Amino acid sequence: MKHPDAPLIAHELFVAILKSGAPVVDMTLSTAGPRLRITAQGPEPLPVIYSHGPGWALISGLSHLSGLTTDECGLWAQLGGKR
């Protein structure tokens, strides 16, 4: 699946995890029908600022759904599907 905002959203997710001090960023892309989910994850829980900073406004504005991973070590955004 192609989505015009996917590269920008992936970049913002990556930068948020990298800026948190993570030595490694694991990026995952998964698809289910018309949906694309991009996840960026580090090894440690994220400080609140990295999941609610300026990049987060961009991510949440361009994606259909977005959030913090259940272990609080990463961020995800879903493109396609309904809001």
PDB file of N, CA and C in Angstrom:
ATOM      1  N   MET A   1       0.846  -1.178   0.000  1.00  0.00           N
ATOM      2  CA  MET A   1       0.000   0.000   0.000  1.00  0.00           C
ATOM      3  C   MET A   1       0.891   1.241   0.000  1.00  0.00           C
ATOM      4  N   LYS A   2       0.555   2.206  -0.805  1.00  0.00           N
ATOM      5  CA  LYS A   2       1.276   3.475  -0.837  1.00  0.00           C
ATOM      6  C   LYS A   2       0.393   4.541  -0.205  1.00  0.00           C
ATOM      7  N   HIS A   3       1.017   5.432   0.521  1.00  0.00           N
ATOM      8  CA  HIS A   3       0.296   6.558   1.112  1.00  0.00           C
ATOM      9  C   HIS A   3       1.232   7.757   1.045  1.00  0.00           C
ATOM     10  N   PRO A   4       0.757   8.903   0.545  1.00  0.00           N
ATOM     11  CA  PRO A   4       1.654  10.046   0.368  1.00  0.00           C
ATOM     12  C   PRO A   4       2.262  10.591   1.656  1.00  0.00           C
ATOM     13  N   ASP A   5       1.616  10.383   2.791  1.00  0.00           N
ATOM     14  CA  ASP A   5       2.130  10.909   4.053  1.00  0.00           C
ATOM     15  C   ASP A   5       2.999   9.912   4.820  1.00  0.00           C
ATOM     16  N   ALA A   6       3.094   8.675   4.336  1.00  0.00           N
ATOM     17  CA  ALA A   6       3.838   7.643   5.064  1.00  0.00           C
ATOM     18  C   ALA A   6       5.302   8.004   5.321  1.00  0.00           C
ATOM     19  N   PRO A   7       6.059   8.509   4.331  1.00  0.00           N
ATOM     20  CA  PRO A   7       7.466   8.846   4.609  1.00  0.00           C
ATOM     21  C   PRO A   7       7.622   9.916   5.692  1.00  0.00           C
ATOM     22  N   LEU A   8       6.800  10.946   5.657  1.00  0.00           N
ATOM     23  CA  LEU A   8       6.883  12.016   6.653  1.00  0.00           C
ATOM     24  C   LEU A   8       6.524  11.502   8.045  1.00  0.00           C
ATOM     25  N   ILE A   9       5.483  10.700   8.126  1.00  0.00           N
ATOM     26  CA  ILE A   9       5.071  10.154   9.422  1.00  0.00           C
ATOM     27  C   ILE A   9       6.148   9.215   9.962  1.00  0.00           C
ATOM     28  N   ALA A  10       6.693   8.345   9.107  1.00  0.00           N
ATOM     29  CA  ALA A  10       7.764   7.439   9.541  1.00  0.00           C
ATOM     30  C   ALA A  10       8.956   8.229  10.058  1.00  0.00           C
ATOM     31  N   HIS A  11       9.306   9.313   9.361  1.00  0.00           N
ATOM     32  CA  HIS A  11      10.421  10.159   9.784  1.00  0.00           C
ATOM     33  C   HIS A  11      10.165  10.762  11.162  1.00  0.00           C
ATOM     34  N   GLU A  12       8.970  11.303  11.366  1.00  0.00           N
ATOM     35  CA  GLU A  12       8.656  11.929  12.656  1.00  0.00           C
ATOM     36  C   GLU A  12       8.647  10.902  13.790  1.00  0.00           C
ATOM     37  N   LEU A  13       8.150   9.699  13.535  1.00  0.00           N
ATOM     38  CA  LEU A  13       8.177   8.644  14.552  1.00  0.00           C
ATOM     39  C   LEU A  13       9.623   8.283  14.896  1.00  0.00           C
ATOM     40  N   PHE A  14      10.450   8.099  13.865  1.00  0.00           N
ATOM     41  CA  PHE A  14      11.859   7.756  14.051  1.00  0.00           C
ATOM     42  C   PHE A  14      12.582   8.828  14.860  1.00  0.00           C
ATOM     43  N   VAL A  15      12.393  10.083  14.486  1.00  0.00           N
ATOM     44  CA  VAL A  15      13.065  11.190  15.169  1.00  0.00           C
ATOM     45  C   VAL A  15      12.639  11.280  16.630  1.00  0.00           C
ATOM     46  N   ALA A  16      11.366  11.072  16.917  1.00  0.00           N
ATOM     47  CA  ALA A  16      10.897  11.131  18.304  1.00  0.00           C
ATOM     48  C   ALA A  16      11.594  10.087  19.166  1.00  0.00           C
ATOM     49  N   ILE A  17      11.745   8.873  18.642  1.00  0.00           N
ATOM     50  CA  ILE A  17      12.409   7.810  19.415  1.00  0.00           C
ATOM     51  C   ILE A  17      13.907   8.115  19.534  1.00  0.00           C
ATOM     52  N   LEU A  18      14.525   8.538  18.447  1.00  0.00           N
ATOM     53  CA  LEU A  18      15.952   8.860  18.454  1.00  0.00           C
ATOM     54  C   LEU A  18      16.258   9.985  19.434  1.00  0.00           C
ATOM     55  N   LYS A  19      15.438  11.031  19.443  1.00  0.00           N
ATOM     56  CA  LYS A  19      15.662  12.165  20.346  1.00  0.00           C
ATOM     57  C   LYS A  19      15.478  11.796  21.807  1.00  0.00           C
ATOM     58  N   SER A  20      14.783  10.702  22.081  1.00  0.00           N
ATOM     59  CA  SER A  20      14.600  10.282  23.467  1.00  0.00           C
ATOM     60  C   SER A  20      15.877   9.684  24.041  1.00  0.00           C
ATOM     61  N   GLY A  21      16.896   9.500  23.188  1.00  0.00           N
ATOM     62  CA  GLY A  21      18.164   8.951  23.648  1.00  0.00           C
ATOM     63  C   GLY A  21      18.337   7.477  23.342  1.00  0.00           C
ATOM     64  N   ALA A  22      17.388   6.893  22.631  1.00  0.00           N
ATOM     65  CA  ALA A  22      17.478   5.468  22.306  1.00  0.00           C
ATOM     66  C   ALA A  22      18.691   5.205  21.414  1.00  0.00           C
ATOM     67  N   PRO A  23      19.521   4.204  21.755  1.00  0.00           N
ATOM     68  CA  PRO A  23      20.680   3.898  20.927  1.00  0.00           C
ATOM     69  C   PRO A  23      20.300   3.161  19.648  1.00  0.00           C
ATOM     70  N   VAL A  24      19.102   2.573  19.635  1.00  0.00           N
ATOM     71  CA  VAL A  24      18.608   1.810  18.487  1.00  0.00           C
ATOM     72  C   VAL A  24      17.130   2.131  18.321  1.00  0.00           C
ATOM     73  N   VAL A  25      16.695   2.284  17.068  1.00  0.00           N
ATOM     74  CA  VAL A  25      15.282   2.504  16.773  1.00  0.00           C
ATOM     75  C   VAL A  25      14.827   1.377  15.860  1.00  0.00           C
ATOM     76  N   ASP A  26      13.812   0.646  16.277  1.00  0.00           N
ATOM     77  CA  ASP A  26      13.255  -0.445  15.489  1.00  0.00           C
ATOM     78  C   ASP A  26      12.008   0.079  14.784  1.00  0.00           C
ATOM     79  N   MET A  27      12.018   0.064  13.449  1.00  0.00           N
ATOM     80  CA  MET A  27      10.887   0.527  12.649  1.00  0.00           C
ATOM     81  C   MET A  27      10.165  -0.691  12.072  1.00  0.00           C
ATOM     82  N   THR A  28       8.836  -0.681  12.174  1.00  0.00           N
ATOM     83  CA  THR A  28       8.027  -1.774  11.653  1.00  0.00           C
ATOM     84  C   THR A  28       6.909  -1.211  10.790  1.00  0.00           C
ATOM     85  N   LEU A  29       6.690  -1.822   9.643  1.00  0.00           N
ATOM     86  CA  LEU A  29       5.563  -1.507   8.781  1.00  0.00           C
ATOM     87  C   LEU A  29       4.696  -2.753   8.704  1.00  0.00           C
ATOM     88  N   SER A  30       3.404  -2.599   8.890  1.00  0.00           N
ATOM     89  CA  SER A  30       2.503  -3.733   8.743  1.00  0.00           C
ATOM     90  C   SER A  30       1.256  -3.268   8.007  1.00  0.00           C
ATOM     91  N   THR A  31       0.663  -4.183   7.259  1.00  0.00           N
ATOM     92  CA  THR A  31      -0.533  -3.864   6.500  1.00  0.00           C
ATOM     93  C   THR A  31      -1.646  -4.845   6.826  1.00  0.00           C
ATOM     94  N   ALA A  32      -2.863  -4.361   6.700  1.00  0.00           N
ATOM     95  CA  ALA A  32      -4.059  -5.187   6.856  1.00  0.00           C
ATOM     96  C   ALA A  32      -5.121  -4.550   5.961  1.00  0.00           C
ATOM     97  N   GLY A  33      -5.367  -5.160   4.815  1.00  0.00           N
ATOM     98  CA  GLY A  33      -6.314  -4.575   3.872  1.00  0.00           C
ATOM     99  C   GLY A  33      -5.838  -3.194   3.450  1.00  0.00           C
ATOM    100  N   PRO A  34      -6.687  -2.163   3.582  1.00  0.00           N
ATOM    101  CA  PRO A  34      -6.303  -0.811   3.161  1.00  0.00           C
ATOM    102  C   PRO A  34      -5.523  -0.036   4.215  1.00  0.00           C
ATOM    103  N   ARG A  35      -5.180  -0.681   5.324  1.00  0.00           N
ATOM    104  CA  ARG A  35      -4.501   0.032   6.411  1.00  0.00           C
ATOM    105  C   ARG A  35      -2.996  -0.242   6.409  1.00  0.00           C
ATOM    106  N   LEU A  36      -2.256   0.785   6.768  1.00  0.00           N
ATOM    107  CA  LEU A  36      -0.808   0.706   6.941  1.00  0.00           C
ATOM    108  C   LEU A  36      -0.502   1.201   8.339  1.00  0.00           C
ATOM    109  N   ARG A  37       0.269   0.430   9.089  1.00  0.00           N
ATOM    110  CA  ARG A  37       0.652   0.842  10.436  1.00  0.00           C
ATOM    111  C   ARG A  37       2.165   0.945  10.487  1.00  0.00           C
ATOM    112  N   ILE A  38       2.643   2.088  10.959  1.00  0.00           N
ATOM    113  CA  ILE A  38       4.076   2.347  11.097  1.00  0.00           C
ATOM    114  C   ILE A  38       4.372   2.462  12.589  1.00  0.00           C
ATOM    115  N   THR A  39       5.349   1.705  13.051  1.00  0.00           N
ATOM    116  CA  THR A  39       5.721   1.740  14.467  1.00  0.00           C
ATOM    117  C   THR A  39       7.220   2.001  14.582  1.00  0.00           C
ATOM    118  N   ALA A  40       7.586   2.874  15.507  1.00  0.00           N
ATOM    119  CA  ALA A  40       8.984   3.127  15.847  1.00  0.00           C
ATOM    120  C   ALA A  40       9.124   2.839  17.329  1.00  0.00           C
ATOM    121  N   GLN A  41      10.135   2.063  17.680  1.00  0.00           N
ATOM    122  CA  GLN A  41      10.265   1.649  19.073  1.00  0.00           C
ATOM    123  C   GLN A  41      11.719   1.648  19.507  1.00  0.00           C
ATOM    124  N   GLY A  42      11.936   2.056  20.750  1.00  0.00           N
ATOM    125  CA  GLY A  42      13.253   2.017  21.369  1.00  0.00           C
ATOM    126  C   GLY A  42      13.239   1.009  22.501  1.00  0.00           C
ATOM    127  N   PRO A  43      14.349   0.876  23.214  1.00  0.00           N
ATOM    128  CA  PRO A  43      14.443  -0.125  24.268  1.00  0.00           C
ATOM    129  C   PRO A  43      13.874   0.299  25.629  1.00  0.00           C
ATOM    130  N   GLU A  44      13.648   1.600  25.821  1.00  0.00           N
ATOM    131  CA  GLU A  44      13.204   2.105  27.128  1.00  0.00           C
ATOM    132  C   GLU A  44      11.904   2.895  26.991  1.00  0.00           C
ATOM    133  N   PRO A  45      11.114   2.989  28.062  1.00  0.00           N
ATOM    134  CA  PRO A  45       9.901   3.831  28.011  1.00  0.00           C
ATOM    135  C   PRO A  45      10.244   5.277  27.651  1.00  0.00           C
ATOM    136  N   LEU A  46       9.370   5.892  26.868  1.00  0.00           N
ATOM    137  CA  LEU A  46       9.590   7.257  26.401  1.00  0.00           C
ATOM    138  C   LEU A  46       9.194   8.286  27.449  1.00  0.00           C
ATOM    139  N   PRO A  47       9.991   9.326  27.599  1.00  0.00           N
ATOM    140  CA  PRO A  47       9.551  10.455  28.419  1.00  0.00           C
ATOM    141  C   PRO A  47       8.327  11.091  27.751  1.00  0.00           C
ATOM    142  N   VAL A  48       7.436  11.669  28.506  1.00  0.00           N
ATOM    143  CA  VAL A  48       6.184  12.225  27.999  1.00  0.00           C
ATOM    144  C   VAL A  48       6.397  13.210  26.858  1.00  0.00           C
ATOM    145  N   ILE A  49       7.429  14.035  26.912  1.00  0.00           N
ATOM    146  CA  ILE A  49       7.637  15.053  25.876  1.00  0.00           C
ATOM    147  C   ILE A  49       7.778  14.450  24.485  1.00  0.00           C
ATOM    148  N   TYR A  50       8.307  13.246  24.359  1.00  0.00           N
ATOM    149  CA  TYR A  50       8.520  12.646  23.045  1.00  0.00           C
ATOM    150  C   TYR A  50       7.256  12.044  22.467  1.00  0.00           C
ATOM    151  N   SER A  51       6.251  11.847  23.269  1.00  0.00           N
ATOM    152  CA  SER A  51       4.981  11.346  22.749  1.00  0.00           C
ATOM    153  C   SER A  51       3.925  12.436  22.697  1.00  0.00           C
ATOM    154  N   HIS A  52       4.297  13.683  23.000  1.00  0.00           N
ATOM    155  CA  HIS A  52       3.336  14.780  22.955  1.00  0.00           C
ATOM    156  C   HIS A  52       3.954  16.085  22.462  1.00  0.00           C
ATOM    157  N   GLY A  53       5.120  16.014  21.828  1.00  0.00           N
ATOM    158  CA  GLY A  53       5.805  17.223  21.364  1.00  0.00           C
ATOM    159  C   GLY A  53       5.284  17.705  20.017  1.00  0.00           C
ATOM    160  N   PRO A  54       5.979  18.647  19.405  1.00  0.00           N
ATOM    161  CA  PRO A  54       5.546  19.227  18.129  1.00  0.00           C
ATOM    162  C   PRO A  54       5.400  18.191  17.007  1.00  0.00           C
ATOM    163  N   GLY A  55       6.310  17.235  16.945  1.00  0.00           N
ATOM    164  CA  GLY A  55       6.210  16.189  15.925  1.00  0.00           C
ATOM    165  C   GLY A  55       4.956  15.355  16.100  1.00  0.00           C
ATOM    166  N   TRP A  56       4.521  15.227  17.352  1.00  0.00           N
ATOM    167  CA  TRP A  56       3.321  14.436  17.629  1.00  0.00           C
ATOM    168  C   TRP A  56       2.085  15.079  17.012  1.00  0.00           C
ATOM    169  N   ALA A  57       2.026  16.406  16.998  1.00  0.00           N
ATOM    170  CA  ALA A  57       0.903  17.113  16.378  1.00  0.00           C
ATOM    171  C   ALA A  57       0.850  16.796  14.881  1.00  0.00           C
ATOM    172  N   LEU A  58       2.011  16.721  14.256  1.00  0.00           N
ATOM    173  CA  LEU A  58       2.090  16.383  12.839  1.00  0.00           C
ATOM    174  C   LEU A  58       1.641  14.940  12.604  1.00  0.00           C
ATOM    175  N   ILE A  59       2.142  14.026  13.424  1.00  0.00           N
ATOM    176  CA  ILE A  59       1.786  12.611  13.297  1.00  0.00           C
ATOM    177  C   ILE A  59       0.279  12.416  13.466  1.00  0.00           C
ATOM    178  N   SER A  60      -0.271  12.964  14.528  1.00  0.00           N
ATOM    179  CA  SER A  60      -1.701  12.756  14.793  1.00  0.00           C
ATOM    180  C   SER A  60      -2.575  13.485  13.776  1.00  0.00           C
ATOM    181  N   GLY A  61      -2.080  14.587  13.213  1.00  0.00           N
ATOM    182  CA  GLY A  61      -2.846  15.307  12.213  1.00  0.00           C
ATOM    183  C   GLY A  61      -2.901  14.605  10.867  1.00  0.00           C
ATOM    184  N   LEU A  62      -1.855  13.873  10.508  1.00  0.00           N
ATOM    185  CA  LEU A  62      -1.784  13.206   9.209  1.00  0.00           C
ATOM    186  C   LEU A  62      -2.257  11.753   9.229  1.00  0.00           C
ATOM    187  N   SER A  63      -2.293  11.129  10.391  1.00  0.00           N
ATOM    188  CA  SER A  63      -2.680   9.719  10.463  1.00  0.00           C
ATOM    189  C   SER A  63      -4.147   9.577  10.874  1.00  0.00           C
ATOM    190  N   HIS A  64      -4.695   8.404  10.621  1.00  0.00           N
ATOM    191  CA  HIS A  64      -6.076   8.136  11.020  1.00  0.00           C
ATOM    192  C   HIS A  64      -6.160   7.836  12.511  1.00  0.00           C
ATOM    193  N   LEU A  65      -5.192   7.095  13.005  1.00  0.00           N
ATOM    194  CA  LEU A  65      -5.084   6.764  14.428  1.00  0.00           C
ATOM    195  C   LEU A  65      -3.614   6.812  14.797  1.00  0.00           C
ATOM    196  N   SER A  66      -3.301   7.088  16.043  1.00  0.00           N
ATOM    197  CA  SER A  66      -1.914   7.075  16.492  1.00  0.00           C
ATOM    198  C   SER A  66      -1.894   6.892  17.996  1.00  0.00           C
ATOM    199  N   GLY A  67      -0.744   6.469  18.499  1.00  0.00           N
ATOM    200  CA  GLY A  67      -0.654   6.295  19.933  1.00  0.00           C
ATOM    201  C   GLY A  67       0.698   5.803  20.402  1.00  0.00           C
ATOM    202  N   LEU A  68       0.746   5.522  21.668  1.00  0.00           N
ATOM    203  CA  LEU A  68       1.923   5.001  22.351  1.00  0.00           C
ATOM    204  C   LEU A  68       1.777   3.484  22.416  1.00  0.00           C
ATOM    205  N   THR A  69       2.859   2.742  22.196  1.00  0.00           N
ATOM    206  CA  THR A  69       2.781   1.283  22.287  1.00  0.00           C
ATOM    207  C   THR A  69       2.442   0.880  23.730  1.00  0.00           C
ATOM    208  N   THR A  70       1.907  -0.305  23.904  1.00  0.00           N
ATOM    209  CA  THR A  70       1.471  -0.733  25.233  1.00  0.00           C
ATOM    210  C   THR A  70       2.603  -0.788  26.249  1.00  0.00           C
ATOM    211  N   ASP A  71       3.837  -1.011  25.796  1.00  0.00           N
ATOM    212  CA  ASP A  71       4.966  -1.031  26.732  1.00  0.00           C
ATOM    213  C   ASP A  71       5.559   0.372  26.937  1.00  0.00           C
ATOM    214  N   GLU A  72       4.984   1.377  26.252  1.00  0.00           N
ATOM    215  CA  GLU A  72       5.390   2.780  26.335  1.00  0.00           C
ATOM    216  C   GLU A  72       6.799   3.047  25.822  1.00  0.00           C
ATOM    217  N   CYS A  73       7.343   2.119  25.032  1.00  0.00           N
ATOM    218  CA  CYS A  73       8.680   2.288  24.465  1.00  0.00           C
ATOM    219  C   CYS A  73       8.642   2.772  23.023  1.00  0.00           C
ATOM    220  N   GLY A  74       7.461   2.920  22.458  1.00  0.00           N
ATOM    221  CA  GLY A  74       7.370   3.300  21.065  1.00  0.00           C
ATOM    222  C   GLY A  74       6.112   4.072  20.737  1.00  0.00           C
ATOM    223  N   LEU A  75       6.074   4.544  19.502  1.00  0.00           N
ATOM    224  CA  LEU A  75       4.937   5.287  18.971  1.00  0.00           C
ATOM    225  C   LEU A  75       4.481   4.608  17.687  1.00  0.00           C
ATOM    226  N   TRP A  76       3.196   4.698  17.386  1.00  0.00           N
ATOM    227  CA  TRP A  76       2.680   4.114  16.148  1.00  0.00           C
ATOM    228  C   TRP A  76       1.673   5.066  15.507  1.00  0.00           C
ATOM    229  N   ALA A  77       1.493   4.889  14.220  1.00  0.00           N
ATOM    230  CA  ALA A  77       0.511   5.663  13.465  1.00  0.00           C
ATOM    231  C   ALA A  77      -0.124   4.738  12.427  1.00  0.00           C
ATOM    232  N   GLN A  78      -1.415   4.862  12.252  1.00  0.00           N
ATOM    233  CA  GLN A  78      -2.137   4.063  11.272  1.00  0.00           C
ATOM    234  C   GLN A  78      -2.668   4.982  10.180  1.00  0.00           C
ATOM    235  N   LEU A  79      -2.448   4.582   8.943  1.00  0.00           N
ATOM    236  CA  LEU A  79      -2.912   5.318   7.777  1.00  0.00           C
ATOM    237  C   LEU A  79      -3.925   4.453   7.032  1.00  0.00           C
ATOM    238  N   GLY A  80      -4.925   5.056   6.478  1.00  0.00           N
ATOM    239  CA  GLY A  80      -5.977   4.308   5.798  1.00  0.00           C
ATOM    240  C   GLY A  80      -7.008   3.832   6.790  1.00  0.00           C
ATOM    241  N   GLY A  81      -8.126   3.412   6.304  1.00  0.00           N
ATOM    242  CA  GLY A  81      -9.204   3.004   7.204  1.00  0.00           C
ATOM    243  C   GLY A  81      -9.948   4.221   7.708  1.00  0.00           C
ATOM    244  N   LYS A  82     -10.853   4.015   8.619  1.00  0.00           N
ATOM    245  CA  LYS A  82     -11.670   5.113   9.141  1.00  0.00           C
ATOM    246  C   LYS A  82     -11.069   5.688  10.399  1.00  0.00           C
ATOM    247  N   ARG A  83     -11.326   6.969  10.627  1.00  0.00           N
ATOM    248  CA  ARG A  83     -10.880   7.632  11.849  1.00  0.00           C
ATOM    249  C   ARG A  83     -11.743   7.218  13.001  1.00  0.00           C
TER     250      ARG A  83
END
